[in-house]
Protein backbone atom coordinates (compact mmCIF):
# COMPACT_ATOMS: atom_id res chain seq x y z
CA MET A 1 -0.14 0.16 0.08
CA LYS A 2 1.45 3.28 -1.21
CA ARG A 3 1.75 5.87 1.45
CA ARG A 4 0.21 9.23 0.77
CA LEU A 5 1.72 12.55 1.62
CA SER A 6 -0.51 14.92 3.95
CA PRO A 7 -1.72 18.09 2.41
CA PRO A 8 0.46 20.46 4.11
CA LEU A 9 3.53 18.30 3.35
CA VAL A 10 2.77 18.49 -0.59
CA SER A 11 2.01 22.34 -0.19
CA LEU A 12 5.33 22.65 1.43
CA LEU A 13 7.27 20.23 -1.50
CA ALA A 14 5.62 22.16 -4.38
CA GLY A 15 6.40 25.74 -2.80
CA ALA A 16 10.08 24.63 -2.31
CA LEU A 17 9.85 23.29 -6.29
CA ILE A 18 8.40 26.38 -7.79
CA LEU A 19 10.93 28.52 -5.25
CA GLY A 20 13.99 26.46 -6.86
CA LEU A 21 12.83 27.20 -10.33
CA LEU A 22 12.28 30.57 -9.79
CA ILE A 23 15.66 31.01 -8.26
CA PRO A 24 18.04 28.50 -9.46
CA ASN A 25 21.52 29.57 -8.20
CA GLN A 26 20.76 31.99 -5.21
CA SER A 27 24.64 32.35 -4.56
CA LYS A 28 25.07 33.41 -7.91
CA ALA A 29 22.02 35.72 -8.27
CA ALA A 30 23.50 37.35 -4.76
CA LEU A 31 26.94 37.93 -6.07
CA SER A 32 28.03 41.09 -7.85
CA LEU A 33 31.49 42.63 -9.00
CA PRO A 34 33.11 44.48 -6.71
CA GLY A 35 34.25 46.97 -9.64
CA PRO A 36 35.82 47.14 -12.87
CA VAL A 37 38.64 44.92 -11.81
CA VAL A 38 38.69 42.13 -9.67
CA THR A 39 42.20 40.75 -7.57
CA THR A 40 43.22 37.18 -8.03
CA GLN A 41 41.73 36.34 -4.44
CA TRP A 42 38.61 37.57 -5.39
CA LEU A 43 38.29 35.14 -8.39
CA ALA A 44 39.68 32.46 -6.55
CA ASP A 45 36.73 32.64 -4.45
CA HIS A 46 34.35 33.04 -6.85
CA SER A 47 35.55 31.17 -9.94
CA ASP A 48 32.31 28.89 -9.50
CA GLN A 49 29.77 31.79 -9.56
CA VAL A 50 31.73 33.85 -12.38
CA THR A 51 32.35 33.25 -16.47
CA VAL A 52 36.01 33.73 -17.03
CA LEU A 53 36.94 34.67 -20.60
CA ASP A 54 40.57 34.05 -21.89
CA VAL A 55 41.80 36.41 -24.39
CA ARG A 56 44.41 36.11 -26.57
CA LYS A 57 45.38 35.34 -30.29
CA GLN A 58 45.01 32.14 -31.61
CA GLN A 59 48.80 31.62 -31.88
CA SER A 60 49.03 31.77 -28.30
CA PHE A 61 46.48 29.34 -27.14
CA SER A 62 49.28 26.93 -25.80
CA ARG A 63 51.03 29.36 -24.26
CA GLY A 64 51.08 29.59 -20.25
CA GLY A 65 47.84 27.31 -19.32
CA PHE A 66 44.57 28.76 -18.29
CA ILE A 67 42.76 29.51 -15.55
CA PRO A 68 40.60 26.43 -14.56
CA GLY A 69 37.21 27.10 -16.20
CA ALA A 70 38.45 29.79 -18.45
CA VAL A 71 37.23 29.82 -21.82
CA PHE A 72 39.40 30.77 -24.85
CA VAL A 73 38.20 33.47 -26.68
CA PRO A 74 40.61 34.08 -30.00
CA PHE A 75 41.73 38.24 -30.34
CA GLU A 76 40.92 37.80 -34.05
CA ARG A 77 37.26 37.81 -33.40
CA LEU A 78 37.21 40.73 -31.54
CA THR A 79 37.33 42.98 -34.68
CA GLN A 80 35.73 42.67 -38.36
CA THR A 81 35.72 44.49 -41.59
CA ARG A 82 32.66 46.87 -41.92
CA THR A 83 31.47 49.46 -43.77
CA VAL A 84 30.86 52.91 -41.95
CA GLU A 85 30.08 56.11 -43.39
CA GLY A 86 31.14 54.74 -47.04
CA LEU A 87 34.43 53.09 -46.31
CA SER A 88 35.48 49.80 -45.99
CA LEU A 89 37.46 49.67 -42.70
CA ARG A 90 39.46 47.00 -41.06
CA LEU A 91 39.47 46.16 -37.07
CA MET A 92 36.36 47.59 -36.17
CA VAL A 93 33.93 46.42 -33.17
CA PRO A 94 31.82 43.39 -34.76
CA ASP A 95 28.16 44.24 -35.42
CA ARG A 96 25.32 42.74 -33.33
CA PRO A 97 24.71 39.58 -35.49
CA THR A 98 28.90 38.64 -35.33
CA TRP A 99 29.26 39.89 -31.41
CA GLU A 100 25.74 37.56 -30.50
CA LYS A 101 27.43 34.46 -32.36
CA LEU A 102 30.98 35.00 -30.50
CA LEU A 103 29.27 35.02 -27.15
CA SER A 104 27.07 32.41 -27.65
CA GLU A 105 29.78 30.34 -28.86
CA SER A 106 31.73 31.21 -25.81
CA GLY A 107 29.02 30.34 -23.58
CA VAL A 108 27.94 33.55 -22.37
CA SER A 109 24.32 34.30 -21.27
CA THR A 110 23.12 37.62 -20.89
CA ASP A 111 22.91 37.86 -16.81
CA ASP A 112 26.40 36.24 -16.25
CA LEU A 113 29.15 37.58 -14.54
CA VAL A 114 32.07 37.95 -16.55
CA VAL A 115 35.81 38.12 -15.79
CA ILE A 116 38.25 38.51 -18.67
CA THR A 117 41.35 37.76 -18.13
CA GLY A 118 44.81 37.17 -20.61
CA LEU A 119 48.79 36.04 -20.92
CA GLY A 120 49.16 39.64 -18.78
CA GLU A 121 52.95 39.22 -19.28
CA GLN A 122 53.18 42.56 -21.95
CA TRP A 123 51.17 45.59 -22.72
CA LEU A 124 49.50 44.13 -25.88
CA ASP A 125 48.07 41.43 -23.40
CA LEU A 126 46.41 44.06 -21.32
CA ALA A 127 44.98 45.86 -24.68
CA ARG A 128 43.43 42.59 -25.74
CA VAL A 129 41.65 41.95 -22.45
CA VAL A 130 40.52 45.49 -22.33
CA ARG A 131 39.31 45.59 -26.09
CA LEU A 132 37.02 42.80 -25.25
CA TYR A 133 35.77 44.42 -22.13
CA TRP A 134 35.09 47.60 -23.91
CA SER A 135 33.42 45.45 -26.57
CA MET A 136 31.04 44.16 -24.14
CA LYS A 137 30.27 47.02 -22.24
CA GLN A 138 29.72 48.76 -26.09
CA HIS A 139 26.96 46.08 -26.82
CA GLY A 140 25.61 46.56 -23.39
CA HIS A 141 27.00 43.51 -21.06
CA GLN A 142 27.55 45.34 -17.79
CA ALA A 143 28.41 42.87 -15.36
CA VAL A 144 31.96 42.38 -16.66
CA ALA A 145 35.28 42.87 -15.00
CA ILE A 146 38.79 42.59 -15.69
CA LEU A 147 41.62 40.41 -13.75
CA GLU A 148 44.06 42.28 -12.48
CA GLY A 149 47.41 41.07 -13.51
CA GLY A 150 45.92 38.24 -15.73
CA ASN A 151 47.25 35.04 -15.72
CA ALA A 152 50.76 36.28 -15.14
CA ARG A 153 50.18 37.51 -11.61
CA TRP A 154 47.80 33.83 -11.06
CA GLN A 155 50.49 32.05 -11.85
CA VAL A 156 53.49 34.22 -9.68
CA GLU A 157 50.79 33.17 -6.68
CA GLN A 158 51.30 29.93 -7.58
CA ARG A 159 47.68 29.35 -8.08
CA GLY A 160 46.97 26.20 -10.31
CA VAL A 161 46.39 26.54 -14.31
CA SER A 162 45.09 24.15 -16.70
CA ASP A 163 46.81 23.03 -19.94
CA GLN A 164 43.51 23.15 -21.96
CA SER A 165 40.57 26.17 -22.05
CA ARG A 166 36.99 24.70 -21.09
CA THR A 167 34.73 23.92 -23.93
CA PRO A 168 31.80 25.64 -23.31
CA LEU A 169 28.14 24.52 -23.80
CA ARG A 170 26.53 27.11 -26.52
CA THR A 171 24.21 29.37 -25.28
CA ARG A 172 21.32 31.88 -27.43
CA TYR A 173 23.19 35.28 -26.43
CA LYS A 174 21.14 38.28 -27.47
CA SER A 175 22.90 41.78 -26.88
CA SER A 176 21.19 44.76 -25.93
CA GLN A 177 21.00 47.92 -28.08
CA PRO A 178 24.57 49.07 -28.85
CA SER A 179 25.75 52.07 -26.45
CA THR A 180 26.17 55.43 -28.02
CA ASN A 181 28.30 56.78 -25.17
CA LEU A 182 31.44 54.70 -25.26
CA VAL A 183 32.11 55.30 -29.21
CA VAL A 184 32.51 58.43 -31.40
CA GLY A 185 32.26 58.73 -35.19
CA MET A 186 34.13 61.25 -37.96
CA VAL A 187 31.52 64.00 -36.62
CA GLU A 188 32.23 64.16 -33.49
CA VAL A 189 36.35 64.19 -34.51
CA GLU A 190 36.20 66.47 -36.97
CA LYS A 191 34.51 68.97 -34.36
CA ALA A 192 36.93 68.22 -31.63
CA ALA A 193 39.89 68.88 -34.02
CA LEU A 194 37.98 72.38 -34.88
CA THR A 195 36.87 73.44 -31.21
CA SER A 196 38.66 73.10 -27.81
CA GLU A 197 35.62 71.81 -26.59
CA VAL A 198 36.46 68.11 -26.07
CA GLN A 199 39.99 66.93 -25.75
CA LEU A 200 41.51 64.94 -28.26
CA VAL A 201 44.31 62.50 -27.04
CA ASP A 202 46.50 60.20 -29.16
CA VAL A 203 47.92 57.40 -27.40
CA ARG A 204 50.45 55.95 -29.93
CA ALA A 205 54.16 56.43 -29.35
CA LEU A 206 55.51 59.51 -30.24
CA LYS A 207 57.13 58.47 -33.47
CA PHE A 208 53.67 57.82 -35.04
CA TYR A 209 52.40 61.03 -33.47
CA THR A 210 54.80 63.32 -35.22
CA GLY A 211 54.82 61.16 -38.49
CA ASP A 212 58.34 60.13 -38.46
CA GLN A 213 56.87 56.59 -38.95
CA ARG A 214 53.64 54.99 -40.03
CA TYR A 215 51.71 51.86 -38.97
CA GLU A 216 51.55 50.73 -42.91
CA ALA A 217 49.25 48.04 -42.17
CA VAL A 218 46.30 50.10 -41.66
CA VAL A 219 47.19 53.55 -42.26
CA PRO A 220 47.77 54.91 -45.76
CA PRO A 221 50.36 57.04 -46.92
CA GLN A 222 48.08 60.32 -46.31
CA GLY A 223 47.43 59.57 -42.95
CA VAL A 224 51.12 60.24 -41.55
CA GLY A 225 51.03 62.38 -38.74
CA HIS A 226 47.93 62.96 -36.12
CA ILE A 227 44.78 64.47 -36.21
CA PRO A 228 45.12 68.05 -35.99
CA GLY A 229 44.46 69.70 -32.45
CA ALA A 230 45.34 66.32 -30.82
CA LEU A 231 47.73 65.80 -27.89
CA ASN A 232 50.02 62.89 -27.25
CA LEU A 233 50.09 60.64 -24.60
CA PRO A 234 51.73 57.25 -25.27
CA ILE A 235 49.96 54.63 -23.25
CA GLN A 236 53.01 52.96 -22.29
CA LEU A 237 53.57 55.85 -19.89
CA LEU A 238 50.38 55.08 -18.01
CA LEU A 239 51.65 51.03 -17.52
CA ASP A 240 53.89 49.45 -15.23
CA ARG A 241 55.20 45.87 -14.36
CA VAL A 242 53.60 44.73 -10.88
CA ASP A 243 54.14 41.28 -9.67
CA GLY A 244 55.72 39.46 -12.90
CA ALA A 245 52.78 41.52 -14.50
CA VAL A 246 51.92 44.50 -16.84
CA TRP A 247 49.61 46.72 -14.97
CA PHE A 248 48.21 49.95 -14.88
CA GLN A 249 50.26 52.79 -12.78
CA HIS A 250 48.43 53.89 -9.61
CA PRO A 251 45.87 56.68 -10.15
CA ASP A 252 48.17 59.46 -8.75
CA ASP A 253 51.20 58.56 -10.86
CA MET A 254 48.59 58.27 -14.11
CA VAL A 255 47.14 61.81 -13.55
CA GLU A 256 50.83 63.50 -12.87
CA MET A 257 52.19 61.70 -15.95
CA ALA A 258 49.38 62.80 -18.14
CA ASP A 259 49.81 66.56 -16.63
CA MET A 260 53.34 66.66 -17.94
CA MET A 261 52.27 65.93 -21.21
CA ASP A 262 49.70 68.68 -20.52
CA VAL A 263 46.56 66.08 -20.88
CA ASP A 264 43.91 66.88 -18.44
CA LEU A 265 42.56 63.24 -17.68
CA THR A 266 38.93 64.96 -15.99
CA ARG A 267 38.18 66.70 -19.24
CA PRO A 268 35.38 65.53 -21.92
CA THR A 269 38.15 63.75 -24.15
CA ILE A 270 38.08 61.53 -27.23
CA LEU A 271 41.22 58.78 -27.41
CA TYR A 272 42.25 57.27 -30.51
CA CYS A 273 45.39 55.46 -32.04
CA ASP A 274 45.97 53.83 -35.09
CA THR A 275 43.23 51.11 -35.10
CA GLY A 276 41.16 51.85 -31.79
CA ASN A 277 43.27 48.66 -29.81
CA TYR A 278 45.34 50.58 -27.84
CA ALA A 279 43.34 53.86 -27.27
CA GLY A 280 40.98 51.17 -25.43
CA LEU A 281 43.45 51.00 -22.60
CA ALA A 282 43.54 54.89 -22.14
CA TRP A 283 39.67 55.09 -22.63
CA PHE A 284 39.52 52.32 -19.32
CA VAL A 285 41.73 54.38 -17.08
CA LEU A 286 39.70 57.77 -17.81
CA HIS A 287 36.43 56.16 -17.85
CA GLU A 288 36.54 53.40 -15.50
CA ARG A 289 39.34 54.01 -13.22
CA LEU A 290 39.31 57.63 -12.84
CA ASN A 291 35.52 57.83 -13.42
CA ASN A 292 35.65 60.06 -16.24
CA GLN A 293 32.33 59.36 -17.70
CA GLU A 294 32.82 62.06 -20.85
CA ALA A 295 35.60 59.70 -22.38
CA ARG A 296 34.93 57.83 -25.43
CA LEU A 297 36.60 56.12 -28.25
CA PHE A 298 37.20 56.79 -31.83
CA ASP A 299 37.27 53.06 -32.78
CA GLY A 300 38.04 53.85 -36.36
CA SER A 301 41.12 55.88 -35.33
CA MET A 302 43.98 56.95 -37.53
CA HIS A 303 42.73 54.22 -40.06
CA GLN A 304 39.28 55.86 -40.75
CA TRP A 305 40.52 59.27 -40.61
CA SER A 306 43.55 58.96 -42.77
CA ARG A 307 40.90 56.90 -45.41
CA ALA A 308 38.49 59.23 -45.57
CA ASN A 309 41.51 61.96 -46.60
CA LYS A 310 41.04 64.45 -43.68
CA PRO A 311 43.65 66.68 -42.71
CA VAL A 312 46.65 65.48 -40.58
CA ARG A 313 49.67 67.32 -38.74
CA GLN A 314 53.10 66.16 -38.20
CA GLY A 315 55.60 67.26 -35.64
CA GLU A 316 54.36 68.10 -32.05
CA GLU A 317 51.44 70.43 -31.30
CA PRO A 318 52.65 74.18 -30.14
């Protein structure tokens, strides 16, 4: 003879089931990221509650190992060739369908807390990490942070690594409407070049800013030099090597260094380089570390400016 559950017990079990369906993971729902940067200790404590993305170039897949559970994101997939204002431009932020495909294949859901890491050994590694961070923000995913010091610091602290990245289960990622507050186009840059209302900052090395050298892969001959009125703040001046990893200098030191270059990190600012990738580092400094909400990135940078045959200037600004 089967034993029947009493009505009160049935109601209790049903309520528990409904609650479990509505709140499948209370600990994850309650967790929030502490800010745009998380420490290695924070990640170690919450690794089972976040999605870790490891961005690096495809050729570096086997270098240095992966933080356990991290999903490999090829840097090559963070940009695409797009037609913008009548020009076919390389290395631009992906459009919405392409972006959703990448995030879906990376196993990211729209409500995931995402921590981004990379090799962390060179400033280019950090630039790739920030590029993914900026792209996620630009496409509306706000719950994202980068790992302080990346894999390099993780391993200096003798935390375990895996030889392989995690193979994720595919999701159906849906991004929100792309943000217009983090990026600018040609119209805004042209206006900034003609007025002093918005500060234009070129973050390339001095030799590219002055026109003594050109990044021939993306900048045509008519692009030698810089956008008129732009100030120069080489991004390497804001970086340091700490605990075996390339990382940003202390905010006070960054402000002091910028002051020496006549750059005011608190002003409304448009940042650019050759392709928009390295300028993302400066955007992260101003917008995320120093809370300058009027710092924006010119994603097309000198590639777009010069291909549109806009005026350039050689030498240093007076």
